[in-house]
Amino acid sequence: MRNFITYEWFTIFTVLGLVFIVAAKYVNTFRFNDFLSVIGNSKYLKIYSKDQKFVDLFDGLLFLNFSMSVGVFLFFCYSTFISPLTFELVWFLKLLLAIATIVIIKTLLERLIGSLFEIDALVDDYLFQKTTFINYSGLLFLVANLFLLYTKNYADVIIIATFSLICFINLIGFITSLKNNQKIINLNIFYFLLYLCALEIAPYVLLYKVIREYNV
């Protein structure tokens, strides 16, 4: 009975993710179609980065799907590779809130540092492209969750394959950002390196140390 309840809630969150994706398409169908072809095609980034807003409904809907899909995916990761978890709705909602809060706070800090270093235009373009690829990763997490929910075998293979694919996609996004902003980066290389070290490298180093100390 417990497994049934767990999977029932995961199905609800997955359906909600699909609803948010459909809502994003409804808000702007043309943009959504361009968004789906963003991998290997810079058309989306070039067109919509010019019209980006501080609060964007389209990106917001896709981000909601990302937060939910990542939460479900992390649950399966922990249960598969570390120890089986018992699903608790309150705990899971806290996890979703933590995921969304961390990403939002990190984005706001990045904007602040970009303003302090006087590289607002560079950081805004970079954040837009990073947000785009994060939201695109949310689609892949959702698809992976469907397989994890309704496929009994090969959970470890699905998780590793999904994680590898998403790392590859975000690497493409990072390289695309560098190419599109190469001239601006060259003029502000020192500040951009400080930015990367402070908010792209240091947080993951600290997270690794915390996990390592916790496991010890």
N, C-alpha and C. Protein backbone atom coordinates (compact mmCIF):
# COMPACT_ATOMS: atom_id res chain seq x y z
N MET A 1 0.82 -1.20 0.00
CA MET A 1 0.00 0.00 0.00
C MET A 1 0.86 1.26 0.00
N ARG A 2 2.03 1.25 0.76
CA ARG A 2 2.88 2.41 0.83
C ARG A 2 3.46 2.75 -0.54
N ASN A 3 3.87 1.71 -1.30
CA ASN A 3 4.40 1.96 -2.63
C ASN A 3 3.35 2.60 -3.54
N PHE A 4 2.13 2.14 -3.38
CA PHE A 4 1.05 2.69 -4.20
C PHE A 4 0.88 4.18 -3.92
N ILE A 5 0.89 4.55 -2.60
CA ILE A 5 0.72 5.94 -2.23
C ILE A 5 1.88 6.78 -2.77
N THR A 6 3.09 6.28 -2.63
CA THR A 6 4.26 6.99 -3.11
C THR A 6 4.15 7.28 -4.59
N TYR A 7 3.88 6.23 -5.36
CA TYR A 7 3.81 6.40 -6.80
C TYR A 7 2.61 7.22 -7.22
N GLU A 8 1.57 7.19 -6.42
CA GLU A 8 0.41 8.01 -6.72
C GLU A 8 0.78 9.50 -6.61
N TRP A 9 1.50 9.87 -5.56
CA TRP A 9 1.92 11.26 -5.40
C TRP A 9 2.90 11.66 -6.49
N PHE A 10 3.82 10.78 -6.82
CA PHE A 10 4.78 11.09 -7.89
C PHE A 10 4.07 11.28 -9.23
N THR A 11 3.04 10.48 -9.44
CA THR A 11 2.25 10.65 -10.67
C THR A 11 1.57 12.01 -10.69
N ILE A 12 1.06 12.44 -9.53
CA ILE A 12 0.42 13.75 -9.44
C ILE A 12 1.41 14.87 -9.76
N PHE A 13 2.61 14.78 -9.18
CA PHE A 13 3.63 15.82 -9.43
C PHE A 13 4.08 15.80 -10.89
N THR A 14 4.15 14.61 -11.46
CA THR A 14 4.55 14.51 -12.87
C THR A 14 3.49 15.11 -13.78
N VAL A 15 2.23 14.85 -13.46
CA VAL A 15 1.13 15.44 -14.24
C VAL A 15 1.13 16.95 -14.10
N LEU A 16 1.41 17.44 -12.89
CA LEU A 16 1.49 18.88 -12.68
C LEU A 16 2.62 19.48 -13.53
N GLY A 17 3.75 18.76 -13.62
CA GLY A 17 4.84 19.22 -14.46
C GLY A 17 4.40 19.32 -15.91
N LEU A 18 3.67 18.33 -16.37
CA LEU A 18 3.15 18.36 -17.75
C LEU A 18 2.18 19.52 -17.94
N VAL A 19 1.37 19.81 -16.92
CA VAL A 19 0.42 20.92 -17.00
C VAL A 19 1.18 22.24 -17.14
N PHE A 20 2.25 22.41 -16.40
CA PHE A 20 3.04 23.63 -16.49
C PHE A 20 3.69 23.77 -17.87
N ILE A 21 4.14 22.65 -18.43
CA ILE A 21 4.73 22.69 -19.77
C ILE A 21 3.68 23.07 -20.81
N VAL A 22 2.50 22.48 -20.71
CA VAL A 22 1.41 22.81 -21.63
C VAL A 22 1.01 24.27 -21.48
N ALA A 23 1.00 24.75 -20.23
CA ALA A 23 0.65 26.15 -19.98
C ALA A 23 1.68 27.08 -20.61
N ALA A 24 2.96 26.71 -20.54
CA ALA A 24 4.01 27.51 -21.16
C ALA A 24 3.81 27.57 -22.67
N LYS A 25 3.45 26.43 -23.25
CA LYS A 25 3.19 26.41 -24.69
C LYS A 25 1.99 27.27 -25.03
N TYR A 26 0.98 27.25 -24.18
CA TYR A 26 -0.22 28.06 -24.42
C TYR A 26 0.10 29.55 -24.33
N VAL A 27 0.96 29.92 -23.39
CA VAL A 27 1.35 31.33 -23.21
C VAL A 27 2.04 31.86 -24.45
N ASN A 28 2.94 31.05 -25.04
CA ASN A 28 3.67 31.50 -26.23
C ASN A 28 4.06 30.27 -27.06
N THR A 29 3.21 29.89 -27.98
CA THR A 29 3.42 28.68 -28.78
C THR A 29 4.67 28.78 -29.64
N PHE A 30 4.86 29.91 -30.30
CA PHE A 30 6.03 30.07 -31.18
C PHE A 30 7.33 29.99 -30.38
N ARG A 31 7.34 30.63 -29.23
CA ARG A 31 8.54 30.59 -28.39
C ARG A 31 8.80 29.17 -27.90
N PHE A 32 7.74 28.46 -27.55
CA PHE A 32 7.90 27.09 -27.06
C PHE A 32 8.49 26.19 -28.14
N ASN A 33 8.03 26.34 -29.36
CA ASN A 33 8.56 25.54 -30.46
C ASN A 33 10.04 25.84 -30.70
N ASP A 34 10.40 27.12 -30.62
CA ASP A 34 11.81 27.50 -30.76
C ASP A 34 12.62 26.95 -29.58
N PHE A 35 12.02 26.96 -28.41
CA PHE A 35 12.68 26.46 -27.20
C PHE A 35 13.04 24.98 -27.34
N LEU A 36 12.15 24.20 -27.92
CA LEU A 36 12.39 22.77 -28.07
C LEU A 36 13.59 22.47 -28.97
N SER A 37 13.90 23.40 -29.87
CA SER A 37 15.01 23.17 -30.80
C SER A 37 16.25 23.96 -30.41
N VAL A 38 16.35 24.35 -29.13
CA VAL A 38 17.47 25.19 -28.69
C VAL A 38 18.81 24.47 -28.75
N ILE A 39 18.79 23.13 -28.61
CA ILE A 39 20.03 22.37 -28.67
C ILE A 39 20.54 22.35 -30.11
N GLY A 40 21.72 22.92 -30.30
CA GLY A 40 22.30 22.95 -31.63
C GLY A 40 21.75 24.06 -32.50
N ASN A 41 20.89 24.92 -31.93
CA ASN A 41 20.31 26.01 -32.72
C ASN A 41 20.24 27.25 -31.82
N SER A 42 20.98 28.29 -32.17
CA SER A 42 21.06 29.48 -31.33
C SER A 42 19.95 30.49 -31.62
N LYS A 43 19.00 30.12 -32.49
CA LYS A 43 17.91 31.03 -32.86
C LYS A 43 17.14 31.50 -31.62
N TYR A 44 16.77 30.58 -30.76
CA TYR A 44 15.99 30.91 -29.58
C TYR A 44 16.74 31.90 -28.70
N LEU A 45 18.03 31.63 -28.45
CA LEU A 45 18.83 32.47 -27.57
C LEU A 45 19.01 33.87 -28.14
N LYS A 46 19.20 33.96 -29.44
CA LYS A 46 19.42 35.26 -30.07
C LYS A 46 18.15 36.11 -30.08
N ILE A 47 17.02 35.47 -30.32
CA ILE A 47 15.76 36.21 -30.44
C ILE A 47 15.23 36.64 -29.08
N TYR A 48 15.15 35.71 -28.14
CA TYR A 48 14.42 35.97 -26.90
C TYR A 48 15.28 36.55 -25.78
N SER A 49 16.60 36.50 -25.93
CA SER A 49 17.44 37.12 -24.91
C SER A 49 17.28 38.64 -24.92
N LYS A 50 16.90 39.20 -26.08
CA LYS A 50 16.72 40.64 -26.19
C LYS A 50 15.47 41.12 -25.46
N ASP A 51 14.49 40.23 -25.31
CA ASP A 51 13.22 40.62 -24.68
C ASP A 51 13.05 40.03 -23.29
N GLN A 52 14.16 39.60 -22.68
CA GLN A 52 14.04 38.96 -21.39
C GLN A 52 13.59 39.95 -20.32
N LYS A 53 12.79 39.42 -19.36
CA LYS A 53 12.26 40.23 -18.27
C LYS A 53 12.76 39.66 -16.95
N PHE A 54 12.69 40.51 -15.91
CA PHE A 54 13.12 40.05 -14.58
C PHE A 54 12.23 38.91 -14.11
N VAL A 55 10.93 39.03 -14.34
CA VAL A 55 9.98 37.95 -14.05
C VAL A 55 9.30 37.58 -15.35
N ASP A 56 9.54 36.39 -15.82
CA ASP A 56 9.03 35.94 -17.11
C ASP A 56 8.09 34.75 -16.89
N LEU A 57 6.83 34.90 -17.31
CA LEU A 57 5.83 33.85 -17.10
C LEU A 57 6.22 32.56 -17.80
N PHE A 58 6.71 32.66 -19.02
CA PHE A 58 7.08 31.48 -19.80
C PHE A 58 8.17 30.69 -19.08
N ASP A 59 9.25 31.37 -18.71
CA ASP A 59 10.34 30.69 -17.99
C ASP A 59 9.89 30.21 -16.62
N GLY A 60 9.00 30.99 -15.98
CA GLY A 60 8.52 30.62 -14.66
C GLY A 60 7.75 29.30 -14.66
N LEU A 61 6.91 29.11 -15.66
CA LEU A 61 6.15 27.86 -15.77
C LEU A 61 7.07 26.67 -16.01
N LEU A 62 8.05 26.86 -16.87
CA LEU A 62 9.01 25.78 -17.13
C LEU A 62 9.87 25.49 -15.91
N PHE A 63 10.16 26.55 -15.14
CA PHE A 63 10.96 26.37 -13.92
C PHE A 63 10.19 25.58 -12.87
N LEU A 64 8.87 25.78 -12.79
CA LEU A 64 8.06 24.99 -11.85
C LEU A 64 8.15 23.51 -12.19
N ASN A 65 8.09 23.20 -13.49
CA ASN A 65 8.26 21.81 -13.90
C ASN A 65 9.64 21.31 -13.53
N PHE A 66 10.66 22.14 -13.74
CA PHE A 66 12.04 21.75 -13.39
C PHE A 66 12.14 21.39 -11.91
N SER A 67 11.61 22.23 -11.04
CA SER A 67 11.71 22.01 -9.59
C SER A 67 11.04 20.70 -9.19
N MET A 68 9.84 20.45 -9.72
CA MET A 68 9.13 19.22 -9.38
C MET A 68 9.83 17.98 -9.94
N SER A 69 10.27 18.08 -11.19
CA SER A 69 10.90 16.94 -11.84
C SER A 69 12.23 16.60 -11.19
N VAL A 70 13.00 17.61 -10.80
CA VAL A 70 14.27 17.36 -10.12
C VAL A 70 14.03 16.72 -8.76
N GLY A 71 12.99 17.19 -8.05
CA GLY A 71 12.68 16.60 -6.75
C GLY A 71 12.37 15.12 -6.85
N VAL A 72 11.54 14.74 -7.80
CA VAL A 72 11.21 13.33 -8.01
C VAL A 72 12.45 12.55 -8.42
N PHE A 73 13.26 13.12 -9.30
CA PHE A 73 14.47 12.45 -9.79
C PHE A 73 15.45 12.22 -8.64
N LEU A 74 15.63 13.22 -7.77
CA LEU A 74 16.55 13.08 -6.63
C LEU A 74 16.07 12.00 -5.67
N PHE A 75 14.75 11.90 -5.50
CA PHE A 75 14.20 10.85 -4.64
C PHE A 75 14.59 9.47 -5.17
N PHE A 76 14.44 9.28 -6.47
CA PHE A 76 14.80 8.00 -7.08
C PHE A 76 16.32 7.77 -7.00
N CYS A 77 17.10 8.82 -7.18
CA CYS A 77 18.57 8.69 -7.09
C CYS A 77 18.98 8.19 -5.72
N TYR A 78 18.46 8.83 -4.67
CA TYR A 78 18.81 8.44 -3.31
C TYR A 78 18.33 7.02 -3.01
N SER A 79 17.12 6.70 -3.40
CA SER A 79 16.56 5.38 -3.13
C SER A 79 17.29 4.28 -3.89
N THR A 80 17.83 4.62 -5.06
CA THR A 80 18.50 3.62 -5.88
C THR A 80 19.95 3.39 -5.47
N PHE A 81 20.68 4.45 -5.19
CA PHE A 81 22.12 4.33 -4.97
C PHE A 81 22.55 4.39 -3.50
N ILE A 82 21.69 4.92 -2.63
CA ILE A 82 22.11 5.05 -1.22
C ILE A 82 21.25 4.18 -0.31
N SER A 83 20.00 4.54 -0.16
CA SER A 83 19.12 3.76 0.72
C SER A 83 17.67 4.05 0.36
N PRO A 84 16.81 3.02 0.34
CA PRO A 84 15.40 3.24 0.02
C PRO A 84 14.76 4.24 0.97
N LEU A 85 14.01 5.18 0.42
CA LEU A 85 13.36 6.21 1.22
C LEU A 85 11.87 5.92 1.36
N THR A 86 11.33 6.33 2.50
CA THR A 86 9.89 6.29 2.70
C THR A 86 9.33 7.66 2.34
N PHE A 87 8.39 7.68 1.44
CA PHE A 87 7.85 8.96 0.98
C PHE A 87 7.03 9.64 2.06
N GLU A 88 7.33 10.92 2.29
CA GLU A 88 6.55 11.75 3.19
C GLU A 88 6.25 13.06 2.46
N LEU A 89 5.00 13.39 2.31
CA LEU A 89 4.60 14.53 1.50
C LEU A 89 5.20 15.84 2.01
N VAL A 90 5.16 16.07 3.34
CA VAL A 90 5.68 17.32 3.91
C VAL A 90 7.17 17.45 3.61
N TRP A 91 7.90 16.35 3.82
CA TRP A 91 9.35 16.37 3.55
C TRP A 91 9.62 16.63 2.07
N PHE A 92 8.82 16.03 1.21
CA PHE A 92 9.04 16.20 -0.22
C PHE A 92 8.73 17.63 -0.66
N LEU A 93 7.69 18.23 -0.10
CA LEU A 93 7.37 19.62 -0.42
C LEU A 93 8.49 20.55 0.03
N LYS A 94 9.11 20.24 1.17
CA LYS A 94 10.24 21.03 1.64
C LYS A 94 11.42 20.90 0.67
N LEU A 95 11.60 19.69 0.12
CA LEU A 95 12.66 19.48 -0.86
C LEU A 95 12.42 20.32 -2.10
N LEU A 96 11.19 20.33 -2.60
CA LEU A 96 10.86 21.14 -3.77
C LEU A 96 11.10 22.63 -3.50
N LEU A 97 10.70 23.07 -2.31
CA LEU A 97 10.89 24.47 -1.94
C LEU A 97 12.38 24.81 -1.86
N ALA A 98 13.17 23.87 -1.32
CA ALA A 98 14.61 24.09 -1.20
C ALA A 98 15.26 24.20 -2.58
N ILE A 99 14.86 23.33 -3.50
CA ILE A 99 15.41 23.36 -4.87
C ILE A 99 15.13 24.70 -5.53
N ALA A 100 13.87 25.12 -5.48
CA ALA A 100 13.47 26.39 -6.11
C ALA A 100 14.16 27.57 -5.44
N THR A 101 14.24 27.56 -4.11
CA THR A 101 14.85 28.67 -3.38
C THR A 101 16.32 28.81 -3.69
N ILE A 102 17.04 27.70 -3.73
CA ILE A 102 18.47 27.73 -4.01
C ILE A 102 18.75 28.31 -5.39
N VAL A 103 17.99 27.86 -6.38
CA VAL A 103 18.21 28.35 -7.76
C VAL A 103 17.88 29.83 -7.86
N ILE A 104 16.77 30.25 -7.24
CA ILE A 104 16.37 31.66 -7.31
C ILE A 104 17.37 32.56 -6.60
N ILE A 105 17.79 32.17 -5.39
CA ILE A 105 18.75 32.99 -4.65
C ILE A 105 20.07 33.07 -5.40
N LYS A 106 20.50 31.96 -5.96
CA LYS A 106 21.75 31.95 -6.71
C LYS A 106 21.66 32.89 -7.92
N THR A 107 20.52 32.88 -8.59
CA THR A 107 20.32 33.76 -9.75
C THR A 107 20.35 35.23 -9.34
N LEU A 108 19.70 35.55 -8.21
CA LEU A 108 19.68 36.93 -7.73
C LEU A 108 21.09 37.38 -7.33
N LEU A 109 21.85 36.51 -6.70
CA LEU A 109 23.22 36.84 -6.34
C LEU A 109 24.08 37.07 -7.58
N GLU A 110 23.85 36.26 -8.59
CA GLU A 110 24.60 36.42 -9.84
C GLU A 110 24.30 37.76 -10.49
N ARG A 111 23.03 38.17 -10.45
CA ARG A 111 22.67 39.49 -10.99
C ARG A 111 23.32 40.60 -10.18
N LEU A 112 23.34 40.43 -8.87
CA LEU A 112 23.95 41.44 -8.00
C LEU A 112 25.45 41.58 -8.27
N ILE A 113 26.13 40.46 -8.36
CA ILE A 113 27.57 40.49 -8.62
C ILE A 113 27.84 41.05 -10.01
N GLY A 114 26.99 40.71 -10.98
CA GLY A 114 27.14 41.27 -12.32
C GLY A 114 27.03 42.79 -12.29
N SER A 115 26.13 43.30 -11.45
CA SER A 115 25.96 44.74 -11.32
C SER A 115 27.17 45.37 -10.62
N LEU A 116 27.69 44.70 -9.60
CA LEU A 116 28.86 45.22 -8.88
C LEU A 116 30.10 45.26 -9.77
N PHE A 117 30.24 44.24 -10.62
CA PHE A 117 31.39 44.19 -11.53
C PHE A 117 31.16 45.00 -12.80
N GLU A 118 29.95 45.58 -12.90
CA GLU A 118 29.58 46.38 -14.06
C GLU A 118 29.64 45.58 -15.37
N ILE A 119 29.18 44.35 -15.28
CA ILE A 119 29.08 43.50 -16.47
C ILE A 119 27.65 42.97 -16.57
N ASP A 120 26.69 43.88 -16.34
CA ASP A 120 25.27 43.50 -16.31
C ASP A 120 24.82 42.83 -17.61
N ALA A 121 25.21 43.42 -18.75
CA ALA A 121 24.76 42.88 -20.04
C ALA A 121 25.28 41.47 -20.24
N LEU A 122 26.54 41.25 -19.90
CA LEU A 122 27.15 39.93 -20.04
C LEU A 122 26.46 38.92 -19.14
N VAL A 123 26.25 39.28 -17.88
CA VAL A 123 25.64 38.37 -16.91
C VAL A 123 24.18 38.10 -17.28
N ASP A 124 23.45 39.12 -17.73
CA ASP A 124 22.05 38.92 -18.11
C ASP A 124 21.93 37.92 -19.26
N ASP A 125 22.78 38.06 -20.27
CA ASP A 125 22.76 37.11 -21.39
C ASP A 125 23.14 35.71 -20.94
N TYR A 126 24.15 35.65 -20.09
CA TYR A 126 24.62 34.36 -19.58
C TYR A 126 23.53 33.67 -18.76
N LEU A 127 22.86 34.45 -17.89
CA LEU A 127 21.81 33.87 -17.05
C LEU A 127 20.62 33.42 -17.88
N PHE A 128 20.29 34.19 -18.91
CA PHE A 128 19.17 33.79 -19.78
C PHE A 128 19.47 32.44 -20.44
N GLN A 129 20.70 32.31 -20.96
CA GLN A 129 21.06 31.06 -21.61
C GLN A 129 21.13 29.91 -20.61
N LYS A 130 21.63 30.20 -19.41
CA LYS A 130 21.70 29.15 -18.40
C LYS A 130 20.30 28.73 -17.95
N THR A 131 19.42 29.72 -17.76
CA THR A 131 18.04 29.42 -17.39
C THR A 131 17.35 28.59 -18.46
N THR A 132 17.62 28.92 -19.72
CA THR A 132 17.03 28.18 -20.84
C THR A 132 17.44 26.71 -20.78
N PHE A 133 18.71 26.45 -20.56
CA PHE A 133 19.17 25.07 -20.54
C PHE A 133 18.76 24.34 -19.26
N ILE A 134 18.59 25.08 -18.17
CA ILE A 134 18.06 24.48 -16.95
C ILE A 134 16.62 24.03 -17.18
N ASN A 135 15.82 24.89 -17.78
CA ASN A 135 14.42 24.55 -18.06
C ASN A 135 14.32 23.40 -19.07
N TYR A 136 15.24 23.39 -20.03
CA TYR A 136 15.27 22.28 -20.99
C TYR A 136 15.61 20.97 -20.27
N SER A 137 16.52 21.06 -19.29
CA SER A 137 16.85 19.87 -18.49
C SER A 137 15.63 19.37 -17.75
N GLY A 138 14.74 20.31 -17.35
CA GLY A 138 13.51 19.91 -16.66
C GLY A 138 12.65 18.99 -17.51
N LEU A 139 12.63 19.22 -18.82
CA LEU A 139 11.87 18.34 -19.72
C LEU A 139 12.46 16.94 -19.71
N LEU A 140 13.79 16.86 -19.71
CA LEU A 140 14.46 15.56 -19.71
C LEU A 140 14.26 14.84 -18.38
N PHE A 141 14.32 15.59 -17.28
CA PHE A 141 14.06 14.98 -15.97
C PHE A 141 12.65 14.41 -15.93
N LEU A 142 11.69 15.11 -16.48
CA LEU A 142 10.31 14.64 -16.49
C LEU A 142 10.18 13.34 -17.27
N VAL A 143 10.80 13.28 -18.44
CA VAL A 143 10.77 12.05 -19.25
C VAL A 143 11.42 10.90 -18.49
N ALA A 144 12.57 11.18 -17.87
CA ALA A 144 13.27 10.14 -17.10
C ALA A 144 12.40 9.65 -15.95
N ASN A 145 11.68 10.56 -15.30
CA ASN A 145 10.82 10.18 -14.19
C ASN A 145 9.70 9.24 -14.64
N LEU A 146 9.19 9.47 -15.84
CA LEU A 146 8.15 8.58 -16.36
C LEU A 146 8.68 7.15 -16.49
N PHE A 147 9.91 7.02 -16.97
CA PHE A 147 10.53 5.69 -17.06
C PHE A 147 10.77 5.10 -15.68
N LEU A 148 11.23 5.94 -14.74
CA LEU A 148 11.51 5.44 -13.39
C LEU A 148 10.22 5.04 -12.67
N LEU A 149 9.15 5.75 -12.96
CA LEU A 149 7.87 5.45 -12.32
C LEU A 149 7.25 4.16 -12.82
N TYR A 150 7.37 3.92 -14.13
CA TYR A 150 6.61 2.83 -14.72
C TYR A 150 7.48 1.72 -15.31
N THR A 151 8.78 1.78 -15.02
CA THR A 151 9.69 0.70 -15.42
C THR A 151 10.32 0.12 -14.16
N LYS A 152 10.16 -1.15 -13.93
CA LYS A 152 10.65 -1.75 -12.70
C LYS A 152 12.16 -1.96 -12.72
N ASN A 153 12.72 -2.21 -13.90
CA ASN A 153 14.15 -2.55 -14.00
C ASN A 153 14.95 -1.38 -14.57
N TYR A 154 16.27 -1.50 -14.41
CA TYR A 154 17.24 -0.57 -15.01
C TYR A 154 17.13 0.85 -14.49
N ALA A 155 16.71 1.01 -13.24
CA ALA A 155 16.61 2.36 -12.67
C ALA A 155 17.98 3.03 -12.63
N ASP A 156 19.02 2.26 -12.27
CA ASP A 156 20.37 2.83 -12.20
C ASP A 156 20.85 3.28 -13.58
N VAL A 157 20.54 2.51 -14.60
CA VAL A 157 20.95 2.86 -15.97
C VAL A 157 20.24 4.13 -16.42
N ILE A 158 18.94 4.22 -16.13
CA ILE A 158 18.16 5.40 -16.52
C ILE A 158 18.69 6.65 -15.84
N ILE A 159 19.01 6.53 -14.55
CA ILE A 159 19.50 7.68 -13.78
C ILE A 159 20.85 8.15 -14.31
N ILE A 160 21.77 7.22 -14.52
CA ILE A 160 23.11 7.58 -14.99
C ILE A 160 23.04 8.18 -16.39
N ALA A 161 22.24 7.56 -17.27
CA ALA A 161 22.11 8.06 -18.64
C ALA A 161 21.51 9.47 -18.65
N THR A 162 20.47 9.69 -17.82
CA THR A 162 19.84 11.01 -17.76
C THR A 162 20.80 12.05 -17.23
N PHE A 163 21.50 11.71 -16.15
CA PHE A 163 22.44 12.66 -15.54
C PHE A 163 23.56 13.01 -16.53
N SER A 164 24.07 12.02 -17.24
CA SER A 164 25.13 12.26 -18.21
C SER A 164 24.64 13.15 -19.35
N LEU A 165 23.43 12.87 -19.83
CA LEU A 165 22.87 13.66 -20.93
C LEU A 165 22.65 15.11 -20.52
N ILE A 166 22.16 15.32 -19.30
CA ILE A 166 21.90 16.68 -18.83
C ILE A 166 23.20 17.45 -18.61
N CYS A 167 24.21 16.77 -18.09
CA CYS A 167 25.53 17.42 -17.95
C CYS A 167 26.06 17.84 -19.31
N PHE A 168 25.87 16.98 -20.29
CA PHE A 168 26.34 17.28 -21.65
C PHE A 168 25.59 18.48 -22.23
N ILE A 169 24.27 18.50 -22.03
CA ILE A 169 23.45 19.59 -22.56
C ILE A 169 23.84 20.92 -21.91
N ASN A 170 24.05 20.92 -20.59
CA ASN A 170 24.42 22.16 -19.91
C ASN A 170 25.83 22.59 -20.27
N LEU A 171 26.69 21.63 -20.60
CA LEU A 171 28.02 21.97 -21.11
C LEU A 171 27.91 22.68 -22.45
N ILE A 172 27.01 22.18 -23.29
CA ILE A 172 26.75 22.84 -24.58
C ILE A 172 26.26 24.27 -24.34
N GLY A 173 25.38 24.41 -23.36
CA GLY A 173 24.87 25.74 -23.04
C GLY A 173 25.97 26.69 -22.59
N PHE A 174 26.88 26.18 -21.78
CA PHE A 174 27.98 27.01 -21.29
C PHE A 174 28.90 27.43 -22.44
N ILE A 175 29.22 26.47 -23.31
CA ILE A 175 30.07 26.77 -24.46
C ILE A 175 29.38 27.77 -25.39
N THR A 176 28.07 27.60 -25.57
CA THR A 176 27.30 28.54 -26.40
C THR A 176 27.37 29.94 -25.82
N SER A 177 27.25 30.05 -24.48
CA SER A 177 27.33 31.36 -23.83
C SER A 177 28.68 32.01 -24.09
N LEU A 178 29.73 31.21 -23.98
CA LEU A 178 31.08 31.76 -24.21
C LEU A 178 31.23 32.25 -25.64
N LYS A 179 30.71 31.48 -26.59
CA LYS A 179 30.84 31.87 -28.01
C LYS A 179 30.05 33.14 -28.31
N ASN A 180 28.81 33.20 -27.80
CA ASN A 180 27.96 34.34 -28.10
C ASN A 180 28.43 35.63 -27.46
N ASN A 181 29.18 35.50 -26.36
CA ASN A 181 29.63 36.69 -25.63
C ASN A 181 31.15 36.80 -25.57
N GLN A 182 31.82 36.21 -26.56
CA GLN A 182 33.28 36.14 -26.52
C GLN A 182 33.92 37.53 -26.49
N LYS A 183 33.41 38.46 -27.27
CA LYS A 183 34.00 39.80 -27.32
C LYS A 183 33.87 40.51 -25.98
N ILE A 184 32.68 40.42 -25.38
CA ILE A 184 32.46 41.08 -24.09
C ILE A 184 33.29 40.41 -23.00
N ILE A 185 33.39 39.07 -23.06
CA ILE A 185 34.17 38.34 -22.06
C ILE A 185 35.64 38.73 -22.15
N ASN A 186 36.15 38.87 -23.36
CA ASN A 186 37.56 39.23 -23.54
C ASN A 186 37.87 40.60 -22.94
N LEU A 187 36.89 41.50 -23.00
CA LEU A 187 37.09 42.84 -22.44
C LEU A 187 36.97 42.85 -20.91
N ASN A 188 36.29 41.83 -20.38
CA ASN A 188 36.08 41.78 -18.92
C ASN A 188 36.50 40.42 -18.36
N ILE A 189 37.57 39.87 -18.90
CA ILE A 189 37.96 38.50 -18.56
C ILE A 189 38.22 38.31 -17.07
N PHE A 190 38.87 39.31 -16.43
CA PHE A 190 39.19 39.18 -15.00
C PHE A 190 37.92 39.08 -14.16
N TYR A 191 36.98 39.99 -14.41
CA TYR A 191 35.73 39.99 -13.64
C TYR A 191 34.90 38.75 -13.93
N PHE A 192 34.93 38.29 -15.17
CA PHE A 192 34.15 37.11 -15.52
C PHE A 192 34.71 35.87 -14.83
N LEU A 193 36.04 35.78 -14.72
CA LEU A 193 36.66 34.65 -14.02
C LEU A 193 36.32 34.69 -12.53
N LEU A 194 36.33 35.90 -11.96
CA LEU A 194 35.92 36.03 -10.56
C LEU A 194 34.48 35.59 -10.37
N TYR A 195 33.65 35.97 -11.30
CA TYR A 195 32.23 35.60 -11.26
C TYR A 195 32.07 34.08 -11.31
N LEU A 196 32.79 33.44 -12.22
CA LEU A 196 32.70 31.98 -12.35
C LEU A 196 33.17 31.28 -11.09
N CYS A 197 34.28 31.75 -10.54
CA CYS A 197 34.83 31.11 -9.34
C CYS A 197 33.91 31.28 -8.14
N ALA A 198 33.31 32.48 -8.03
CA ALA A 198 32.47 32.78 -6.87
C ALA A 198 31.13 32.07 -6.88
N LEU A 199 30.50 31.96 -8.07
CA LEU A 199 29.13 31.46 -8.10
C LEU A 199 28.91 30.24 -8.98
N GLU A 200 29.92 29.78 -9.70
CA GLU A 200 29.75 28.59 -10.52
C GLU A 200 30.62 27.42 -10.05
N ILE A 201 31.72 27.73 -9.41
CA ILE A 201 32.64 26.68 -8.98
C ILE A 201 32.60 26.48 -7.47
N ALA A 202 32.74 27.58 -6.72
CA ALA A 202 32.80 27.51 -5.25
C ALA A 202 31.60 26.79 -4.61
N PRO A 203 30.35 27.08 -5.04
CA PRO A 203 29.22 26.39 -4.39
C PRO A 203 29.28 24.87 -4.51
N TYR A 204 29.74 24.36 -5.66
CA TYR A 204 29.80 22.92 -5.85
C TYR A 204 30.95 22.30 -5.05
N VAL A 205 32.04 23.07 -4.89
CA VAL A 205 33.16 22.60 -4.06
C VAL A 205 32.72 22.49 -2.61
N LEU A 206 32.00 23.52 -2.14
CA LEU A 206 31.50 23.49 -0.76
C LEU A 206 30.50 22.35 -0.56
N LEU A 207 29.61 22.15 -1.55
CA LEU A 207 28.63 21.08 -1.46
C LEU A 207 29.32 19.72 -1.39
N TYR A 208 30.37 19.54 -2.19
CA TYR A 208 31.13 18.29 -2.18
C TYR A 208 31.76 18.04 -0.81
N LYS A 209 32.32 19.10 -0.21
CA LYS A 209 32.95 18.95 1.11
C LYS A 209 31.93 18.60 2.17
N VAL A 210 30.75 19.24 2.10
CA VAL A 210 29.69 18.95 3.08
C VAL A 210 29.24 17.50 2.96
N ILE A 211 29.01 17.02 1.73
CA ILE A 211 28.57 15.64 1.51
C ILE A 211 29.64 14.66 1.99
N ARG A 212 30.90 14.99 1.69
CA ARG A 212 32.00 14.10 2.08
C ARG A 212 32.11 14.00 3.60
N GLU A 213 32.03 15.16 4.29
CA GLU A 213 32.12 15.15 5.75
C GLU A 213 30.93 14.43 6.38
N TYR A 214 29.75 14.58 5.75
CA TYR A 214 28.55 13.93 6.27
C TYR A 214 28.66 12.43 6.15
N ASN A 215 29.20 11.97 5.01
CA ASN A 215 29.35 10.53 4.80
C ASN A 215 30.38 9.92 5.71
N VAL A 216 31.44 10.72 6.03
CA VAL A 216 32.48 10.22 6.93
C VAL A 216 31.91 10.08 8.34
